[in-house]
Amino acid sequence: MLRKSLVSSFLALGLTFVPAIAAAGEGAECHQGQLSLQTLVDKHLKAVGGKERLKAAKSFQVTTVTRDGETVTTTTVQRARPNLVRYDMEKNGTRTSKVFDGQQGWMVEGSAAPQRLDKEKSATMAEYAAFDDALLDPKAQGVALKLDGVEQVNGAPAHRLVLTRGGNTEVRFIDQQSFLEVRRTSTGTHEGKAYNKTAFFSDYRDVDGIKLSHRVQWEADGKKGEKVIQSAHYDAPIEASVFKPAAPRS
């Protein structure tokens, strides 16, 4: 797991309901051909950098440029374990910050005082504030997994890995050769409105021992956009004050 609405913003930085049948990490052996669900998850995590490296990371900082039609948004995201996150966004000359301090979500627009997010928006932000990807511990994050066959993505076969949490479903397409994610579709409901988004991942590069897609192209609600990473670092020190609600920095 950048906001025209809170969920839209997070989906930009990052299906039909399918009942889950198993969770990775619990000995799942749902075979698709010769590959089990657990084997797929393990191979994917290894391709990204390995479980040990992913779990050892303590902080993450990334700056991206997102193009949505004529709109260009520069976003800096800072994360720290276990669930601290800050987004600083500049769009059309306007600066906005969103912060989750571990318990409560906040938003700051321009030089205005920080405003508490309501219960639902704060809960959504808390979900995206989790430092680890759901595949590292799906049970702890309330996510169920299902391996659902193979589909062609960009002319190459990819495994369909379905993640379900509540009424929201995400399908990750894992390339059969590289075991990196090449496509993701997300569907669900937020604030009474259905959303449906597709993202394509490319330009993977090593960042401090972890593979990151530096280019994400997405489609949602008949619109298309692109996000490109400008800089990214793991484990660089982040001051605790960053995760306190405050006005955007210059």
Protein backbone atom coordinates (compact mmCIF):
# COMPACT_ATOMS: atom_id res chain seq x y z
CA MET A 1 0.00 0.00 0.00
CA LEU A 2 -1.72 8.14 -2.78
CA ARG A 3 -6.70 11.95 -2.40
CA LYS A 4 -9.50 13.23 -4.32
CA SER A 5 -10.96 10.93 -1.70
CA LEU A 6 -8.74 9.21 0.85
CA VAL A 7 -8.90 5.82 -0.84
CA SER A 8 -8.17 7.25 -4.31
CA SER A 9 -4.95 8.83 -3.14
CA PHE A 10 -3.65 5.66 -1.53
CA LEU A 11 -4.55 3.51 -4.52
CA ALA A 12 -2.68 5.90 -6.82
CA LEU A 13 0.61 5.53 -4.69
CA GLY A 14 0.04 1.73 -5.01
CA LEU A 15 -12.48 -7.50 -8.79
CA THR A 16 -15.20 -9.43 -7.94
CA PHE A 17 -15.60 -10.85 -4.45
CA VAL A 18 -13.82 -14.19 -4.25
CA PRO A 19 -14.15 -16.38 -1.15
CA ALA A 20 -10.76 -17.18 0.36
CA ILE A 21 -9.70 -20.75 0.94
CA ALA A 22 -6.35 -20.43 2.71
CA ALA A 23 -3.85 -18.01 4.16
CA ALA A 24 -0.15 -18.11 3.38
CA GLY A 25 2.03 -19.00 6.33
CA GLU A 26 -0.35 -21.74 7.44
CA GLY A 27 0.89 -24.61 5.32
CA ALA A 28 -1.43 -23.80 2.43
CA GLU A 29 -1.12 -26.37 -0.33
CA CYS A 30 -3.66 -25.18 -2.87
CA HIS A 31 -1.94 -26.52 -6.00
CA GLN A 32 -2.21 -24.95 -9.43
CA GLY A 33 -0.33 -27.45 -11.54
CA GLN A 34 2.96 -28.04 -9.72
CA LEU A 35 2.90 -24.78 -7.76
CA SER A 36 1.21 -24.37 -4.38
CA LEU A 37 -0.07 -21.11 -2.93
CA GLN A 38 2.66 -21.07 -0.29
CA THR A 39 5.37 -21.78 -2.88
CA LEU A 40 4.19 -18.88 -5.03
CA VAL A 41 4.19 -16.48 -2.08
CA ASP A 42 7.66 -17.65 -1.01
CA LYS A 43 9.10 -17.29 -4.52
CA HIS A 44 7.58 -13.84 -4.91
CA LEU A 45 8.95 -12.61 -1.58
CA LYS A 46 12.37 -14.02 -2.44
CA ALA A 47 12.34 -12.19 -5.79
CA VAL A 48 11.52 -8.91 -4.05
CA GLY A 49 14.41 -9.26 -1.60
CA GLY A 50 13.61 -12.09 0.78
CA LYS A 51 11.60 -12.30 3.98
CA GLU A 52 14.57 -11.53 6.22
CA ARG A 53 15.47 -8.33 4.37
CA LEU A 54 11.86 -7.18 4.19
CA LYS A 55 11.28 -7.78 7.89
CA ALA A 56 14.60 -6.13 8.82
CA ALA A 57 13.69 -2.82 7.15
CA LYS A 58 12.77 -0.22 9.75
CA SER A 59 11.97 2.83 7.65
CA PHE A 60 11.22 3.80 4.07
CA GLN A 61 11.24 7.11 2.21
CA VAL A 62 10.14 7.66 -1.38
CA THR A 63 9.42 10.64 -3.61
CA THR A 64 7.16 10.14 -6.63
CA VAL A 65 5.72 12.18 -9.47
CA THR A 66 2.18 11.23 -10.50
CA ARG A 67 0.58 12.39 -13.74
CA ASP A 68 -3.20 12.22 -13.88
CA GLY A 69 -4.31 13.88 -17.11
CA GLU A 70 -3.01 17.46 -16.94
CA THR A 71 -2.46 17.24 -13.19
CA VAL A 72 1.02 16.60 -11.82
CA THR A 73 1.45 15.70 -8.15
CA THR A 74 4.76 15.34 -6.33
CA THR A 75 4.49 13.19 -3.23
CA THR A 76 6.98 12.33 -0.53
CA VAL A 77 6.08 9.38 1.67
CA GLN A 78 7.89 8.54 4.92
CA ARG A 79 7.18 5.32 6.79
CA ALA A 80 8.48 3.73 9.98
CA ARG A 81 7.63 0.62 11.92
CA PRO A 82 5.17 -0.45 13.07
CA ASN A 83 2.51 1.81 11.54
CA LEU A 84 3.71 5.39 11.17
CA VAL A 85 3.30 7.18 7.86
CA ARG A 86 3.37 10.72 6.48
CA TYR A 87 2.39 11.87 2.97
CA ASP A 88 3.43 15.34 1.79
CA MET A 89 1.82 16.23 -1.55
CA GLU A 90 2.11 19.24 -3.83
CA LYS A 91 -0.47 19.60 -6.60
CA ASN A 92 -1.14 22.70 -8.66
CA GLY A 93 0.75 24.82 -6.16
CA THR A 94 -1.24 23.50 -3.19
CA ARG A 95 0.44 21.55 -0.41
CA THR A 96 -1.33 18.90 1.62
CA SER A 97 -0.08 16.51 4.28
CA LYS A 98 -1.66 13.36 5.67
CA VAL A 99 -0.21 11.75 8.78
CA PHE A 100 -0.99 8.62 10.73
CA ASP A 101 0.66 8.85 14.13
CA GLY A 102 0.06 5.22 15.09
CA GLN A 103 -3.43 5.84 16.47
CA GLN A 104 -5.09 8.69 14.60
CA GLY A 105 -5.09 10.06 11.06
CA TRP A 106 -4.60 13.77 10.40
CA MET A 107 -4.77 16.10 7.41
CA VAL A 108 -3.16 19.50 6.94
CA GLU A 109 -3.98 21.76 3.99
CA GLY A 110 -1.67 24.67 3.26
CA SER A 111 -0.93 26.61 6.45
CA ALA A 112 -4.14 25.57 8.19
CA ALA A 113 -4.14 23.80 11.55
CA PRO A 114 -4.10 19.98 11.49
CA GLN A 115 -7.54 18.38 11.30
CA ARG A 116 -8.44 14.98 12.70
CA LEU A 117 -9.73 12.56 10.08
CA ASP A 118 -13.09 11.03 10.86
CA LYS A 119 -13.29 7.46 12.12
CA GLU A 120 -13.68 5.81 8.71
CA LYS A 121 -10.94 7.81 6.99
CA SER A 122 -8.60 7.28 9.93
CA ALA A 123 -9.27 3.52 9.78
CA THR A 124 -8.47 3.52 6.06
CA MET A 125 -5.24 5.35 6.70
CA ALA A 126 -4.37 2.93 9.50
CA GLU A 127 -4.75 0.07 7.03
CA TYR A 128 -2.28 1.67 4.62
CA ALA A 129 0.08 2.62 7.45
CA ALA A 130 1.05 -1.01 8.12
CA PHE A 131 4.76 -1.16 7.31
CA ASP A 132 4.87 -4.74 6.06
CA ASP A 133 3.15 -5.96 2.91
CA ALA A 134 0.17 -8.22 3.59
CA LEU A 135 1.97 -11.25 2.12
CA LEU A 136 4.51 -11.26 4.95
CA ASP A 137 1.79 -12.00 7.50
CA PRO A 138 -1.69 -12.11 5.91
CA LYS A 139 -3.38 -13.57 8.97
CA ALA A 140 -2.25 -10.68 11.17
CA GLN A 141 -3.62 -8.19 8.65
CA GLY A 142 -6.91 -10.00 8.23
CA VAL A 143 -6.16 -10.97 4.63
CA ALA A 144 -7.04 -14.32 3.05
CA LEU A 145 -5.28 -15.64 -0.05
CA LYS A 146 -6.29 -17.79 -2.99
CA LEU A 147 -4.32 -18.98 -6.02
CA ASP A 148 -6.64 -18.61 -9.01
CA GLY A 149 -4.94 -19.89 -12.14
CA VAL A 150 -2.77 -18.19 -14.75
CA GLU A 151 -3.44 -15.25 -17.07
CA GLN A 152 -1.45 -13.54 -19.81
CA VAL A 153 -0.05 -10.13 -18.87
CA ASN A 154 1.92 -8.25 -21.51
CA GLY A 155 2.19 -11.46 -23.52
CA ALA A 156 3.64 -13.54 -20.68
CA PRO A 157 1.94 -15.93 -18.22
CA ALA A 158 1.35 -14.67 -14.69
CA HIS A 159 -0.12 -16.35 -11.61
CA ARG A 160 -3.33 -14.81 -10.25
CA LEU A 161 -2.95 -14.31 -6.49
CA VAL A 162 -6.21 -13.13 -4.90
CA LEU A 163 -6.16 -11.20 -1.61
CA THR A 164 -9.46 -10.66 0.18
CA ARG A 165 -10.14 -8.46 3.19
CA GLY A 166 -13.74 -7.81 4.14
CA GLY A 167 -15.61 -6.77 1.02
CA ASN A 168 -12.48 -5.57 -0.80
CA THR A 169 -10.57 -7.78 -3.21
CA GLU A 170 -7.16 -7.39 -4.82
CA VAL A 171 -5.68 -9.61 -7.51
CA ARG A 172 -1.91 -9.54 -7.91
CA PHE A 173 -0.48 -10.97 -11.12
CA ILE A 174 2.91 -12.58 -10.42
CA ASP A 175 5.09 -13.18 -13.50
CA GLN A 176 5.92 -16.88 -13.92
CA GLN A 177 9.60 -16.25 -14.72
CA SER A 178 10.67 -13.33 -12.53
CA PHE A 179 8.07 -13.86 -9.77
CA LEU A 180 7.71 -10.07 -9.60
CA GLU A 181 4.29 -8.42 -9.63
CA VAL A 182 3.41 -7.06 -13.06
CA ARG A 183 -0.25 -6.10 -12.65
CA ARG A 184 -2.78 -5.51 -9.88
CA THR A 185 -6.55 -5.07 -9.94
CA SER A 186 -8.45 -3.75 -6.94
CA THR A 187 -12.19 -3.54 -6.31
CA GLY A 188 -14.27 -2.66 -3.32
CA THR A 189 -16.41 0.00 -1.70
CA HIS A 190 -15.38 3.16 0.11
CA GLU A 191 -17.82 5.62 1.67
CA GLY A 192 -20.67 3.92 -0.17
CA LYS A 193 -19.01 4.21 -3.58
CA ALA A 194 -17.59 1.31 -5.56
CA TYR A 195 -14.06 1.59 -6.92
CA ASN A 196 -12.24 -0.43 -9.56
CA LYS A 197 -8.60 0.12 -10.41
CA THR A 198 -5.90 -1.60 -12.46
CA ALA A 199 -2.17 -0.91 -12.10
CA PHE A 200 0.78 -2.15 -14.19
CA PHE A 201 4.26 -2.38 -12.62
CA SER A 202 7.56 -2.10 -14.50
CA ASP A 203 11.15 -0.79 -14.27
CA TYR A 204 12.13 -2.79 -11.19
CA ARG A 205 15.33 -1.60 -9.52
CA ASP A 206 17.26 -2.61 -6.43
CA VAL A 207 16.85 -0.16 -3.54
CA ASP A 208 18.98 -1.09 -0.56
CA GLY A 209 18.48 -4.80 -1.20
CA ILE A 210 14.75 -4.63 -2.03
CA LYS A 211 13.27 -4.61 -5.53
CA LEU A 212 10.91 -1.71 -6.25
CA SER A 213 8.88 -0.95 -9.34
CA HIS A 214 9.89 2.56 -10.39
CA ARG A 215 7.05 2.99 -12.87
CA VAL A 216 3.36 2.30 -12.22
CA GLN A 217 0.70 2.97 -14.85
CA TRP A 218 -2.91 2.85 -13.68
CA GLU A 219 -6.47 2.99 -14.96
CA ALA A 220 -9.53 3.88 -12.89
CA ASP A 221 -12.98 5.30 -13.62
CA GLY A 222 -12.13 5.67 -17.29
CA LYS A 223 -9.01 7.69 -16.53
CA LYS A 224 -5.33 6.82 -16.88
CA GLY A 225 -2.28 7.97 -14.98
CA GLU A 226 1.33 7.19 -14.21
CA LYS A 227 3.51 7.31 -11.13
CA VAL A 228 7.31 7.39 -11.37
CA ILE A 229 9.71 7.08 -8.45
CA GLN A 230 12.24 9.91 -8.26
CA SER A 231 14.14 8.67 -5.22
CA ALA A 232 13.75 5.90 -2.63
CA HIS A 233 15.66 4.70 0.43
CA TYR A 234 15.26 2.11 3.15
CA ASP A 235 16.51 2.51 6.72
CA ALA A 236 17.53 6.17 6.51
CA PRO A 237 16.90 7.89 9.87
CA ILE A 238 13.52 9.65 10.24
CA GLU A 239 12.87 12.08 13.10
CA ALA A 240 9.95 11.11 15.35
CA SER A 241 8.50 14.61 14.89
CA VAL A 242 7.80 13.78 11.22
CA PHE A 243 4.85 11.69 12.33
CA LYS A 244 3.29 14.44 14.44
CA PRO A 245 0.58 16.42 12.65
CA ALA A 246 2.12 19.65 11.40
CA ALA A 247 1.93 21.94 8.39
CA PRO A 248 3.64 20.80 5.17
CA ARG A 249 7.31 21.64 5.05
CA SER A 250 8.85 23.90 2.45
